Amino acid sequence: MADTKGKIVAIYGNLVTAEVTDSVRQNAVAYCCRSRDGVKLKAEIIRLRNQFIDMQVFESTRGLQVGDEVEITSGLLSVTVGPGLLGQIYDGLQNPLPQLAEECGFFLQSGIYKEPLDTKMKWKFTPTKKAGDTVEAGDYLGSVPEGIFTHHIIVPPSFSGKLKIEKIAKEGEYTIKEKIVTLKSDNGNTHELGMSYQWPVKLPMKGYKDRLLPTEPLITKQRIIDSFFPVCKGGTYCIPGPFGAGKTVMQQITSRHAEVDVVIIAACGERAGEVVETLREFPELTDPKTGRPLMERTIIICNTSSMPVAAREASVYTGVTLAEYYRLMGLDVLLLADSTSRWAQALREMSGRLEEIPGEEAFPAYLESVIAGFYERAGLVELTNGEKGSITVGGTVSPAGGNFEEPVTQATLKVVGAFHGLSRARADARRFPSMDPIESWSKYKGGIDEETVAFAKKILRNGNEVGQMMTVVGEEGVSIDDFILFLKAELLDRVYLQQNAFHDIDAACSLDRQKHTFGILLDVLNHSFSYSSKDEARSSFFQLQEAFLNWNLTEWESQAFKDQETKVKELL
């Protein structure tokens, strides 16, 4: 409902300027009303200038005219949180896309907004508190079953101080709109709550006791990540790389096999073809952890490059807000943003229309602080009941031409804990994952001894230098010792850093298996080989490489695994 009204005085793309007479709030939601058909287009106030306000409209502004009315609310851009979020596919404004498709067909219509959660579905509520108990923000009032998880009904983080439960519903089935608890604050105010509430996407969701330092590795079951460039639960990492290097595929593989509870995929400005592939594949995938559909613990937020530019920013914040909500339940959440470069481009477009002073490559001068504010919402927290929950944020960056020196990549590198840089050369050579083991780095501690990993990285660097020398002077221009060093680096790359994402077994490698395989490889890297010729060395290493690759395709700790390990050791 409108709290105040105004009139449009200028329209520039999706930037609309209106004149108002009453006071309004920064970042409040407004609706631009098309006079020709009465359709209301959702917008957000992004700048106040005396009696004028500038709004970014989340829809196409085609049809709006100067003089059209603007309805301004006092509420901020928010999402609805509660039971029923898992398995949903939303746009950047949390409109459920399947319901929109049923109503609109192939082409979405402007001004249509749907309820993000099913208001008619009944959930079996079991109270964990009773009347007379004292609670505070973040405490659990009860629970409902949601798929494989117990969905806790939480005192909203917006409350402060101690609250007394005056009344709480008995065990039974209720909709998310029905009031299930009545709370009374110290000042005498009474609050009636249901199972859902709204939260502003730009405000971090608190409601926990303390933030902790991330120390536990997040196992992705990708050898190059877990062993060489690890990520921690509650940490941050970025995946920059040129177009076509495999960023989206790498994120999808991580989402399937990472040891987390909930996965949230925020597609902000990616090409529609890639997003459609995700939407088609995920409902058909089986969760390797539970054997149930993977979508039962996944939320997809879809805002493709063909959708309105302004909604890209909203989709990123929508994703992290939903992640914060599930973190308050003691769950480990993985948020994958693809791609933050398209989001930054949307910021650049709006900054240009606002005529702000541009920074490097015309990006806004506040780009670094905006990116930092997003990644800082990740983290490991201790809840009010002593349990822990985490949000791990992984964002892809799409620098033009694969140039890692451009502003978005550099701003991201300043705040993330791990850098998984993809290489065009490795992608063209079909070495997947195409993460560059020379350029990538991580500040986190993984599950494998750091000294042995540092030794393996040194072998890779030295072998790479020999390989570059051989491209200039040829194989005959290097000594046999350098050639063996090159073969060791190639063996480590081929059999350990690369993984077959299409193979049922090799697609996911447990940490125990990684430690076991890496220990055998270390024996090869440490061994002093003696060959009479380079041909003999090449032939020997090719046999060893084939044995290792066949070993990777056997089931962990099976008889075939043990037999193949024996063959590997015989070759050594």
Protein backbone atom coordinates (compact mmCIF):
# COMPACT_ATOMS: atom_id res chain seq x y z
CA MET A 1 0.00 0.00 0.00
CA ALA A 2 1.33 3.43 -0.96
CA ASP A 3 2.48 5.72 1.85
CA THR A 4 3.03 8.67 -0.46
CA LYS A 5 2.76 9.51 -4.16
CA GLY A 6 4.71 11.39 -6.78
CA LYS A 7 4.86 12.21 -10.49
CA ILE A 8 7.42 11.01 -13.06
CA VAL A 9 9.45 13.89 -14.48
CA ALA A 10 12.16 11.99 -16.43
CA ILE A 11 12.81 8.50 -17.81
CA TYR A 12 16.26 7.33 -18.88
CA GLY A 13 16.32 3.59 -19.57
CA ASN A 14 15.47 1.88 -16.32
CA LEU A 15 16.31 5.03 -14.33
CA VAL A 16 13.17 7.01 -13.50
CA THR A 17 13.10 10.39 -11.75
CA ALA A 18 9.98 11.48 -9.89
CA GLU A 19 8.94 14.58 -7.96
CA VAL A 20 7.45 14.10 -4.50
CA THR A 21 6.08 16.45 -1.85
CA ASP A 22 6.27 14.24 1.24
CA SER A 23 9.34 12.69 2.86
CA VAL A 24 10.48 9.30 1.52
CA ARG A 25 13.07 6.71 2.53
CA GLN A 26 16.30 5.71 0.81
CA ASN A 27 16.10 2.20 -0.71
CA ALA A 28 12.33 2.12 -0.25
CA VAL A 29 10.19 0.20 -2.74
CA ALA A 30 8.12 2.22 -5.20
CA TYR A 31 5.75 1.37 -8.03
CA CYS A 32 5.66 3.27 -11.32
CA CYS A 33 2.08 3.17 -12.64
CA ARG A 34 1.67 3.04 -16.43
CA SER A 35 -1.28 5.31 -17.19
CA ARG A 36 -2.21 3.51 -20.41
CA ASP A 37 -3.02 0.16 -18.76
CA GLY A 38 -2.62 0.62 -15.00
CA VAL A 39 0.32 -1.83 -14.73
CA LYS A 40 2.57 -1.15 -11.75
CA LEU A 41 6.32 -1.61 -12.21
CA LYS A 42 8.41 -2.34 -9.13
CA ALA A 43 11.34 -0.02 -8.42
CA GLU A 44 13.80 0.92 -5.68
CA ILE A 45 14.74 4.44 -4.63
CA ILE A 46 18.50 4.77 -5.02
CA ARG A 47 19.01 8.54 -4.62
CA LEU A 48 17.24 11.45 -2.93
CA ARG A 49 17.64 15.02 -4.25
CA ASN A 50 15.45 17.51 -2.38
CA GLN A 51 11.97 17.01 -3.85
CA PHE A 52 13.26 14.64 -6.55
CA ILE A 53 13.92 10.91 -6.22
CA ASP A 54 15.82 8.61 -8.59
CA MET A 55 14.58 5.04 -8.89
CA GLN A 56 15.93 1.95 -10.60
CA VAL A 57 13.03 0.03 -12.14
CA PHE A 58 13.28 -3.77 -12.12
CA GLU A 59 11.17 -4.11 -15.28
CA SER A 60 11.25 -2.72 -18.80
CA THR A 61 10.14 0.93 -18.66
CA ARG A 62 8.56 0.77 -22.11
CA GLY A 63 5.16 2.46 -21.95
CA LEU A 64 5.93 4.72 -18.99
CA GLN A 65 5.34 8.41 -19.62
CA VAL A 66 6.31 11.67 -17.97
CA GLY A 67 3.46 12.58 -15.67
CA ASP A 68 2.59 9.01 -14.71
CA GLU A 69 1.97 8.43 -11.03
CA VAL A 70 4.46 6.81 -8.62
CA GLU A 71 3.31 5.01 -5.48
CA ILE A 72 6.00 4.98 -2.79
CA THR A 73 5.97 2.61 0.17
CA SER A 74 7.92 2.83 3.43
CA GLY A 75 9.23 -0.75 3.16
CA LEU A 76 12.66 -1.69 1.85
CA LEU A 77 13.30 -4.20 -0.93
CA SER A 78 12.72 -7.48 0.92
CA VAL A 79 12.36 -11.22 0.49
CA THR A 80 9.95 -13.56 2.24
CA VAL A 81 11.57 -16.32 4.30
CA GLY A 82 9.87 -19.36 5.76
CA PRO A 83 9.14 -23.04 5.05
CA GLY A 84 8.95 -23.96 1.36
CA LEU A 85 11.97 -22.12 -0.01
CA LEU A 86 13.96 -25.25 -0.88
CA GLY A 87 13.40 -26.55 -4.39
CA GLN A 88 12.15 -23.21 -5.68
CA ILE A 89 13.22 -21.36 -8.82
CA TYR A 90 12.93 -17.58 -8.43
CA ASP A 91 13.78 -14.49 -10.39
CA GLY A 92 15.79 -11.69 -8.78
CA LEU A 93 12.71 -10.30 -7.00
CA GLN A 94 11.74 -13.73 -5.58
CA ASN A 95 8.91 -14.31 -8.01
CA PRO A 96 8.48 -18.09 -8.56
CA LEU A 97 9.27 -18.58 -12.25
CA PRO A 98 7.24 -21.81 -12.75
CA GLN A 99 4.07 -20.04 -11.58
CA LEU A 100 4.87 -17.02 -13.76
CA ALA A 101 5.36 -19.32 -16.74
CA GLU A 102 1.96 -20.93 -16.17
CA GLU A 103 0.29 -17.53 -16.13
CA CYS A 104 2.29 -15.71 -18.81
CA GLY A 105 3.54 -18.42 -21.17
CA PHE A 106 6.92 -18.14 -22.86
CA PHE A 107 7.25 -14.36 -22.48
CA LEU A 108 7.03 -12.83 -19.00
CA GLN A 109 4.74 -9.84 -18.70
CA SER A 110 5.61 -6.67 -16.83
CA GLY A 111 4.03 -5.83 -13.51
CA ILE A 112 3.10 -9.38 -12.45
CA TYR A 113 4.36 -10.36 -9.00
CA LYS A 114 3.53 -13.64 -7.30
CA GLU A 115 3.70 -14.86 -3.72
CA PRO A 116 7.16 -16.46 -3.24
CA LEU A 117 5.80 -19.13 -0.86
CA ASP A 118 2.66 -21.28 -1.00
CA THR A 119 0.23 -19.57 1.39
CA LYS A 120 -2.32 -22.42 1.25
CA MET A 121 -0.02 -25.34 2.01
CA LYS A 122 -0.19 -26.57 5.61
CA TRP A 123 2.95 -27.44 7.57
CA LYS A 124 3.06 -29.72 10.61
CA PHE A 125 4.27 -27.41 13.39
CA THR A 126 5.84 -28.83 16.56
CA PRO A 127 6.50 -26.22 19.30
CA THR A 128 9.76 -26.41 21.25
CA LYS A 129 8.89 -23.56 23.62
CA LYS A 130 5.90 -23.02 25.89
CA ALA A 131 3.93 -20.03 27.16
CA GLY A 132 5.90 -18.11 29.78
CA ASP A 133 9.34 -18.88 28.28
CA THR A 134 11.73 -16.03 27.58
CA VAL A 135 13.33 -15.84 24.11
CA GLU A 136 15.43 -13.48 22.04
CA ALA A 137 16.26 -12.94 18.37
CA GLY A 138 17.49 -16.16 16.74
CA ASP A 139 15.93 -18.56 19.25
CA TYR A 140 13.91 -21.51 17.97
CA LEU A 141 10.16 -21.45 18.69
CA GLY A 142 9.33 -24.74 16.97
CA SER A 143 9.95 -26.69 13.81
CA VAL A 144 8.32 -28.09 10.70
CA PRO A 145 9.69 -30.82 8.39
CA GLU A 146 11.01 -29.50 5.06
CA GLY A 147 12.31 -32.28 2.85
CA ILE A 148 15.36 -33.88 4.46
CA PHE A 149 15.79 -31.01 6.97
CA THR A 150 14.09 -29.84 10.13
CA HIS A 151 13.03 -26.28 9.36
CA HIS A 152 13.21 -24.25 12.57
CA ILE A 153 10.78 -21.40 13.16
CA ILE A 154 13.00 -18.62 14.45
CA VAL A 155 12.38 -15.42 16.39
CA PRO A 156 13.09 -12.84 13.64
CA PRO A 157 16.54 -11.19 13.98
CA SER A 158 14.90 -7.75 13.87
CA PHE A 159 13.76 -8.12 17.50
CA SER A 160 15.99 -6.81 20.29
CA GLY A 161 16.12 -7.63 23.96
CA LYS A 162 14.24 -10.33 25.84
CA LEU A 163 10.71 -11.32 24.82
CA LYS A 164 8.17 -13.38 26.74
CA ILE A 165 5.97 -15.96 25.01
CA GLU A 166 2.37 -15.14 25.90
CA LYS A 167 0.82 -17.75 23.64
CA ILE A 168 2.13 -20.44 21.27
CA ALA A 169 0.20 -22.79 19.00
CA LYS A 170 -0.19 -26.44 19.85
CA GLU A 171 1.23 -29.18 17.63
CA GLY A 172 -0.77 -29.26 14.42
CA GLU A 173 -0.92 -28.15 10.79
CA TYR A 174 -0.85 -24.46 9.92
CA THR A 175 -0.24 -22.26 6.89
CA ILE A 176 2.65 -19.80 6.89
CA LYS A 177 0.19 -16.89 7.28
CA GLU A 178 -1.52 -18.17 10.41
CA LYS A 179 -0.32 -16.67 13.70
CA ILE A 180 1.35 -19.33 15.83
CA VAL A 181 2.99 -17.31 18.61
CA THR A 182 2.42 -14.10 20.54
CA LEU A 183 5.48 -12.36 22.02
CA LYS A 184 5.59 -9.52 24.51
CA SER A 185 8.61 -7.25 24.75
CA ASP A 186 9.98 -5.47 27.82
CA ASN A 187 8.26 -2.22 26.86
CA GLY A 188 4.87 -3.91 26.76
CA ASN A 189 4.46 -4.19 23.00
CA THR A 190 2.82 -7.36 21.71
CA HIS A 191 3.87 -9.10 18.50
CA GLU A 192 1.94 -11.85 16.71
CA LEU A 193 4.11 -14.00 14.45
CA GLY A 194 3.50 -16.61 11.77
CA MET A 195 5.96 -19.04 10.24
CA SER A 196 7.18 -16.53 7.63
CA TYR A 197 8.37 -12.95 7.67
CA GLN A 198 10.06 -10.45 5.35
CA TRP A 199 13.67 -9.32 5.54
CA PRO A 200 15.37 -6.43 3.65
CA VAL A 201 17.92 -7.89 1.25
CA LYS A 202 20.48 -5.09 1.73
CA LEU A 203 20.66 -5.62 5.51
CA PRO A 204 22.70 -8.58 6.88
CA MET A 205 20.57 -11.00 8.91
CA LYS A 206 22.00 -11.23 12.44
CA GLY A 207 20.31 -13.27 15.18
CA TYR A 208 23.43 -15.26 16.15
CA LYS A 209 25.77 -15.10 19.15
CA ASP A 210 29.17 -14.63 17.54
CA ARG A 211 31.15 -14.83 14.32
CA LEU A 212 33.95 -17.41 14.26
CA LEU A 213 37.13 -17.85 12.25
CA PRO A 214 36.60 -20.46 9.49
CA THR A 215 38.95 -23.41 10.00
CA GLU A 216 37.13 -26.55 8.82
CA PRO A 217 37.82 -27.35 5.14
CA LEU A 218 34.86 -27.47 2.78
CA ILE A 219 35.26 -30.75 0.91
CA THR A 220 34.26 -30.23 -2.73
CA LYS A 221 35.60 -33.66 -3.85
CA GLN A 222 37.60 -31.90 -6.55
CA ARG A 223 41.24 -32.87 -6.05
CA ILE A 224 42.78 -29.63 -7.30
CA ILE A 225 40.63 -27.63 -4.86
CA ASP A 226 40.69 -29.80 -1.74
CA SER A 227 44.39 -30.64 -1.96
CA PHE A 228 46.01 -27.58 -3.51
CA PHE A 229 43.66 -24.59 -3.17
CA PRO A 230 41.20 -25.41 -0.35
CA VAL A 231 38.11 -23.52 0.75
CA CYS A 232 36.81 -23.40 4.33
CA LYS A 233 33.22 -23.62 5.52
CA GLY A 234 32.28 -20.00 6.03
CA GLY A 235 35.00 -18.81 3.65
CA THR A 236 34.96 -17.02 0.31
CA TYR A 237 36.51 -17.77 -3.05
CA CYS A 238 36.29 -16.54 -6.61
CA ILE A 239 36.57 -18.26 -9.98
CA PRO A 240 37.75 -15.75 -12.59
CA GLY A 241 38.30 -16.86 -16.14
CA PRO A 242 37.63 -16.01 -19.78
CA PHE A 243 34.38 -16.96 -21.48
CA GLY A 244 34.17 -20.67 -22.23
CA ALA A 245 36.83 -21.71 -19.72
CA GLY A 246 34.37 -23.73 -17.64
CA LYS A 247 33.30 -21.42 -14.76
CA THR A 248 29.63 -22.44 -14.82
CA VAL A 249 30.44 -26.16 -15.19
CA MET A 250 32.88 -25.95 -12.29
CA GLN A 251 30.24 -24.32 -10.10
CA GLN A 252 27.66 -26.95 -11.01
CA ILE A 253 30.05 -29.81 -10.21
CA THR A 254 30.84 -28.18 -6.87
CA SER A 255 27.14 -27.75 -6.07
CA ARG A 256 26.50 -31.47 -6.64
CA HIS A 257 29.37 -32.94 -4.65
CA ALA A 258 30.37 -30.36 -2.01
CA GLU A 259 29.75 -31.48 1.57
CA VAL A 260 27.19 -28.79 2.43
CA ASP A 261 23.54 -28.90 3.42
CA VAL A 262 21.94 -26.26 1.19
CA VAL A 263 23.06 -24.93 -2.21
CA ILE A 264 21.85 -21.57 -3.54
CA ILE A 265 22.67 -20.71 -7.15
CA ALA A 266 22.29 -17.05 -8.10
CA ALA A 267 22.55 -16.58 -11.87
CA CYS A 268 22.99 -12.83 -12.17
CA GLY A 269 23.29 -11.82 -15.80
CA GLU A 270 24.55 -15.10 -17.26
CA ARG A 271 23.56 -16.15 -20.77
CA ALA A 272 20.09 -17.65 -20.95
CA GLY A 273 21.38 -20.84 -22.62
CA GLU A 274 23.60 -21.71 -19.65
CA VAL A 275 20.84 -20.96 -17.14
CA VAL A 276 18.26 -23.00 -19.07
CA GLU A 277 20.69 -25.94 -19.04
CA THR A 278 20.92 -25.63 -15.26
CA LEU A 279 17.13 -25.44 -14.91
CA ARG A 280 16.69 -28.55 -17.03
CA GLU A 281 19.44 -30.62 -15.42
CA PHE A 282 18.97 -29.97 -11.72
CA PRO A 283 15.42 -31.36 -11.34
CA GLU A 284 16.66 -34.61 -12.94
CA LEU A 285 19.81 -35.00 -10.82
CA THR A 286 20.07 -37.37 -7.88
CA ASP A 287 21.76 -36.11 -4.73
CA PRO A 288 24.81 -38.37 -4.15
CA LYS A 289 24.48 -37.77 -0.39
CA THR A 290 20.84 -38.78 0.07
CA GLY A 291 19.79 -40.56 -3.12
CA ARG A 292 16.88 -38.10 -3.40
CA PRO A 293 16.43 -35.32 -6.00
CA LEU A 294 19.16 -32.70 -5.70
CA MET A 295 16.58 -29.89 -5.98
CA GLU A 296 15.27 -30.78 -2.51
CA ARG A 297 18.20 -28.90 -1.00
CA THR A 298 18.73 -26.33 -3.77
CA ILE A 299 17.36 -22.87 -4.50
CA ILE A 300 17.93 -21.33 -7.94
CA ILE A 301 17.67 -17.57 -8.45
CA CYS A 302 17.53 -16.86 -12.13
CA ASN A 303 18.23 -13.46 -13.68
CA THR A 304 19.67 -13.93 -17.16
CA SER A 305 21.30 -11.37 -19.44
CA SER A 306 18.00 -11.03 -21.30
CA MET A 307 16.18 -9.95 -18.13
CA PRO A 308 16.14 -6.36 -16.80
CA VAL A 309 19.61 -5.14 -15.84
CA ALA A 310 18.61 -3.61 -12.49
CA ALA A 311 17.36 -6.98 -11.19
CA ARG A 312 20.88 -8.44 -11.35
CA GLU A 313 21.81 -6.57 -8.17
CA ALA A 314 18.61 -7.73 -6.48
CA SER A 315 19.29 -11.39 -7.39
CA VAL A 316 22.70 -11.35 -5.68
CA TYR A 317 21.30 -9.89 -2.47
CA THR A 318 18.25 -12.17 -2.60
CA GLY A 319 20.56 -15.19 -2.72
CA VAL A 320 22.74 -14.14 0.21
CA THR A 321 19.70 -13.24 2.34
CA LEU A 322 18.17 -16.69 1.83
CA ALA A 323 21.56 -18.19 2.70
CA GLU A 324 21.67 -16.21 5.94
CA TYR A 325 18.21 -17.49 6.85
CA TYR A 326 19.22 -21.15 6.54
CA ARG A 327 22.50 -20.45 8.36
CA LEU A 328 20.42 -19.49 11.42
CA MET A 329 19.15 -23.09 11.47
CA GLY A 330 22.65 -24.46 11.97
CA LEU A 331 23.06 -25.53 8.34
CA ASP A 332 26.09 -25.19 6.06
CA VAL A 333 25.09 -23.18 2.98
CA LEU A 334 26.99 -22.80 -0.28
CA LEU A 335 26.10 -19.69 -2.30
CA LEU A 336 27.30 -19.62 -5.91
CA ALA A 337 27.04 -16.28 -7.73
CA ASP A 338 27.43 -16.44 -11.50
CA SER A 339 28.66 -13.97 -12.58
CA THR A 340 29.63 -11.02 -10.40
CA SER A 341 31.07 -9.29 -13.49
CA ARG A 342 27.58 -8.95 -14.98
CA TRP A 343 26.38 -7.58 -11.65
CA ALA A 344 29.23 -5.04 -11.69
CA GLN A 345 28.28 -4.08 -15.24
CA ALA A 346 24.76 -3.36 -14.02
CA LEU A 347 26.23 -1.14 -11.29
CA ARG A 348 28.29 0.65 -13.95
CA GLU A 349 25.23 1.22 -16.10
CA MET A 350 23.22 2.70 -13.23
CA SER A 351 26.18 4.80 -12.08
CA GLY A 352 26.51 6.25 -15.58
CA ARG A 353 22.83 7.15 -15.70
CA LEU A 354 23.11 8.80 -12.30
CA GLU A 355 26.04 10.84 -13.74
CA GLU A 356 28.36 9.83 -10.90
CA ILE A 357 32.11 10.37 -11.16
CA PRO A 358 33.43 7.18 -12.81
CA GLY A 359 36.30 5.08 -11.54
CA GLU A 360 38.58 2.75 -13.50
CA GLU A 361 37.03 1.49 -16.77
CA ALA A 362 33.92 3.58 -15.94
CA PHE A 363 32.95 1.33 -13.02
CA PRO A 364 31.60 3.27 -10.03
CA ALA A 365 34.19 4.53 -7.57
CA TYR A 366 32.48 2.55 -4.78
CA LEU A 367 32.77 -0.80 -6.64
CA GLU A 368 35.27 -2.25 -4.16
CA SER A 369 33.13 -1.46 -1.12
CA VAL A 370 30.01 -2.96 -2.74
CA ILE A 371 31.81 -6.19 -3.64
CA ALA A 372 33.40 -6.36 -0.19
CA GLY A 373 30.02 -5.83 1.47
CA PHE A 374 28.61 -8.80 -0.44
CA TYR A 375 31.42 -11.25 0.38
CA GLU A 376 31.53 -10.12 4.02
CA ARG A 377 28.06 -11.59 4.52
CA ALA A 378 29.66 -15.04 4.28
CA GLY A 379 31.03 -16.54 7.46
CA LEU A 380 30.91 -19.15 10.21
CA VAL A 381 28.70 -18.20 13.16
CA GLU A 382 27.80 -19.58 16.58
CA LEU A 383 24.05 -19.56 17.14
CA THR A 384 22.21 -18.69 20.35
CA ASN A 385 21.81 -22.41 21.14
CA GLY A 386 25.52 -23.14 20.72
CA GLU A 387 25.27 -24.79 17.30
CA LYS A 388 27.22 -23.56 14.28
CA GLY A 389 26.10 -22.53 10.81
CA SER A 390 28.06 -21.28 7.83
CA ILE A 391 27.75 -19.55 4.49
CA THR A 392 30.47 -20.19 1.92
CA VAL A 393 30.36 -17.77 -1.01
CA GLY A 394 31.87 -18.59 -4.39
CA GLY A 395 31.58 -16.01 -7.13
CA THR A 396 32.64 -16.27 -10.75
CA VAL A 397 34.23 -13.33 -12.53
CA SER A 398 34.19 -12.96 -16.31
CA PRO A 399 36.99 -10.51 -17.18
CA ALA A 400 37.07 -9.45 -20.80
CA GLY A 401 39.77 -11.37 -22.64
CA GLY A 402 40.71 -13.23 -19.45
CA ASN A 403 42.52 -10.13 -18.12
CA PHE A 404 42.81 -10.60 -14.34
CA GLU A 405 44.06 -7.02 -13.94
CA GLU A 406 40.63 -5.49 -14.64
CA PRO A 407 38.77 -3.75 -11.76
CA VAL A 408 36.16 -6.38 -10.86
CA THR A 409 38.74 -9.17 -10.52
CA GLN A 410 41.12 -6.99 -8.53
CA ALA A 411 38.36 -5.74 -6.22
CA THR A 412 37.29 -9.35 -5.62
CA LEU A 413 40.82 -10.59 -4.92
CA LYS A 414 41.14 -8.09 -2.07
CA VAL A 415 38.34 -9.69 -0.06
CA VAL A 416 38.22 -13.42 -0.90
CA GLY A 417 40.23 -16.16 0.78
CA ALA A 418 40.94 -18.29 -2.29
CA PHE A 419 41.59 -17.52 -5.96
CA HIS A 420 40.72 -20.28 -8.45
CA GLY A 421 41.87 -18.73 -11.70
CA LEU A 422 40.82 -20.53 -14.87
CA SER A 423 43.14 -20.65 -17.85
CA ARG A 424 42.14 -20.39 -21.51
CA ALA A 425 45.22 -22.40 -22.50
CA ARG A 426 44.28 -25.28 -20.18
CA ALA A 427 40.67 -25.20 -21.39
CA ASP A 428 41.81 -25.33 -25.03
CA ALA A 429 44.11 -28.25 -24.13
CA ARG A 430 41.08 -30.03 -22.57
CA ARG A 431 42.65 -30.06 -19.13
CA PHE A 432 39.63 -29.84 -16.84
CA PRO A 433 39.04 -28.42 -14.34
CA SER A 434 40.94 -25.72 -16.20
CA MET A 435 42.19 -24.08 -12.99
CA ASP A 436 45.71 -22.75 -13.40
CA PRO A 437 47.84 -24.44 -10.69
CA ILE A 438 50.57 -21.82 -11.11
CA GLU A 439 48.42 -18.68 -10.79
CA SER A 440 45.80 -19.89 -8.26
CA TRP A 441 46.20 -19.54 -4.49
CA SER A 442 44.39 -20.06 -1.20
CA LYS A 443 44.79 -18.61 2.29
CA TYR A 444 42.95 -21.52 3.91
CA LYS A 445 44.37 -24.71 5.37
CA GLY A 446 43.23 -27.89 3.64
CA GLY A 447 43.07 -31.53 4.64
CA ILE A 448 46.53 -32.45 3.28
CA ASP A 449 49.85 -31.51 4.87
CA GLU A 450 50.92 -28.06 3.69
CA GLU A 451 54.61 -28.94 3.31
CA THR A 452 53.94 -31.82 0.92
CA VAL A 453 51.53 -29.64 -1.09
CA ALA A 454 54.18 -26.90 -1.29
CA PHE A 455 56.68 -29.49 -2.58
CA ALA A 456 54.21 -30.65 -5.26
CA LYS A 457 53.55 -27.02 -6.30
CA LYS A 458 57.31 -26.50 -6.65
CA ILE A 459 57.49 -29.53 -8.97
CA LEU A 460 54.65 -28.03 -11.05
CA ARG A 461 56.37 -24.63 -11.31
CA ASN A 462 59.76 -26.06 -12.21
CA GLY A 463 58.22 -28.50 -14.68
CA ASN A 464 56.28 -25.65 -16.28
CA GLU A 465 59.50 -23.67 -16.73
CA VAL A 466 61.13 -26.67 -18.42
CA GLY A 467 58.08 -27.06 -20.65
CA GLN A 468 58.28 -23.41 -21.71
CA MET A 469 61.99 -23.85 -22.43
CA MET A 470 61.27 -26.91 -24.56
CA THR A 471 58.80 -24.94 -26.70
CA VAL A 472 61.70 -22.65 -27.63
CA VAL A 473 64.76 -24.92 -27.87
CA GLY A 474 63.03 -28.28 -28.37
CA GLU A 475 63.29 -31.48 -26.37
CA GLU A 476 66.91 -32.00 -27.34
CA GLY A 477 67.83 -28.63 -25.80
CA VAL A 478 67.22 -29.74 -22.19
CA SER A 479 69.06 -32.24 -20.04
CA ILE A 480 67.55 -35.63 -19.20
CA ASP A 481 67.19 -34.58 -15.56
CA ASP A 482 65.14 -31.54 -16.56
CA PHE A 483 63.13 -33.71 -18.92
CA ILE A 484 62.31 -36.13 -16.06
CA LEU A 485 61.26 -33.13 -13.94
CA PHE A 486 58.93 -32.09 -16.75
CA LEU A 487 57.49 -35.64 -16.93
CA LYS A 488 56.90 -35.63 -13.15
CA ALA A 489 54.97 -32.35 -13.38
CA GLU A 490 52.93 -33.69 -16.31
CA LEU A 491 52.13 -36.87 -14.40
CA LEU A 492 50.91 -34.90 -11.38
CA ASP A 493 48.81 -32.67 -13.63
CA ARG A 494 47.30 -35.47 -15.72
CA VAL A 495 46.43 -37.97 -13.02
CA TYR A 496 45.68 -35.76 -10.02
CA LEU A 497 44.81 -32.17 -10.97
CA GLN A 498 42.54 -33.25 -13.81
CA GLN A 499 39.24 -35.02 -13.20
CA ASN A 500 36.60 -36.59 -15.44
CA ALA A 501 33.33 -34.87 -14.52
CA PHE A 502 31.34 -37.30 -16.69
CA HIS A 503 32.59 -40.44 -14.95
CA ASP A 504 30.49 -41.75 -12.07
CA ILE A 505 33.52 -42.46 -9.87
CA ASP A 506 36.16 -39.94 -10.94
CA ALA A 507 33.72 -37.00 -10.83
CA ALA A 508 33.88 -36.97 -7.02
CA CYS A 509 36.97 -37.94 -5.02
CA SER A 510 36.68 -38.18 -1.23
CA LEU A 511 39.34 -36.60 0.97
CA ASP A 512 40.51 -40.01 2.24
CA ARG A 513 41.06 -41.16 -1.32
CA GLN A 514 42.87 -37.93 -2.15
CA LYS A 515 45.27 -38.43 0.75
CA HIS A 516 45.93 -42.04 -0.27
CA THR A 517 46.53 -41.25 -3.95
CA PHE A 518 48.60 -38.17 -3.18
CA GLY A 519 50.84 -40.23 -0.89
CA ILE A 520 51.64 -42.63 -3.76
CA LEU A 521 52.28 -39.71 -6.11
CA LEU A 522 54.69 -38.18 -3.62
CA ASP A 523 56.77 -41.34 -3.85
CA VAL A 524 57.04 -40.76 -7.61
CA LEU A 525 57.89 -37.06 -7.20
CA ASN A 526 60.59 -37.84 -4.61
CA HIS A 527 62.11 -40.75 -6.50
CA SER A 528 65.38 -40.30 -8.36
CA PHE A 529 64.87 -41.99 -11.72
CA SER A 530 67.73 -43.16 -13.90
CA TYR A 531 67.08 -43.57 -17.62
CA SER A 532 69.50 -44.09 -20.50
CA SER A 533 67.45 -41.97 -22.89
CA LYS A 534 64.52 -39.58 -23.01
CA ASP A 535 62.50 -42.06 -25.03
CA GLU A 536 62.86 -44.61 -22.25
CA ALA A 537 61.80 -42.02 -19.66
CA ARG A 538 58.80 -40.96 -21.74
CA SER A 539 57.67 -44.55 -22.26
CA SER A 540 58.02 -45.36 -18.55
CA PHE A 541 56.04 -42.31 -17.44
CA PHE A 542 53.32 -42.95 -20.02
CA GLN A 543 52.83 -46.45 -18.59
CA LEU A 544 52.71 -44.99 -15.09
CA GLN A 545 50.23 -42.32 -16.20
CA GLU A 546 47.92 -44.92 -17.77
CA ALA A 547 48.03 -47.03 -14.59
CA PHE A 548 47.15 -44.04 -12.42
CA LEU A 549 44.28 -42.99 -14.71
CA ASN A 550 42.81 -46.49 -14.62
CA TRP A 551 43.22 -46.43 -10.83
CA ASN A 552 41.17 -43.22 -10.67
CA LEU A 553 38.26 -44.98 -12.38
CA THR A 554 37.99 -47.78 -9.80
CA GLU A 555 35.69 -47.62 -6.81
CA TRP A 556 37.37 -46.56 -3.57
CA GLU A 557 38.57 -49.49 -1.42
CA SER A 558 37.12 -52.08 -3.80
CA GLN A 559 39.06 -55.17 -4.92
CA ALA A 560 39.60 -53.55 -8.33
CA PHE A 561 41.05 -50.51 -6.54
CA LYS A 562 43.50 -52.69 -4.60
CA ASP A 563 44.49 -54.66 -7.72
CA GLN A 564 45.17 -51.51 -9.70
CA GLU A 565 47.16 -50.02 -6.82
CA THR A 566 49.35 -53.14 -6.90
CA LYS A 567 49.99 -52.56 -10.62
CA VAL A 568 50.96 -48.94 -9.94
CA LYS A 569 53.42 -49.96 -7.25
CA GLU A 570 54.90 -52.67 -9.50
CA LEU A 571 55.61 -50.04 -12.14
CA LEU A 572 57.32 -47.92 -9.51
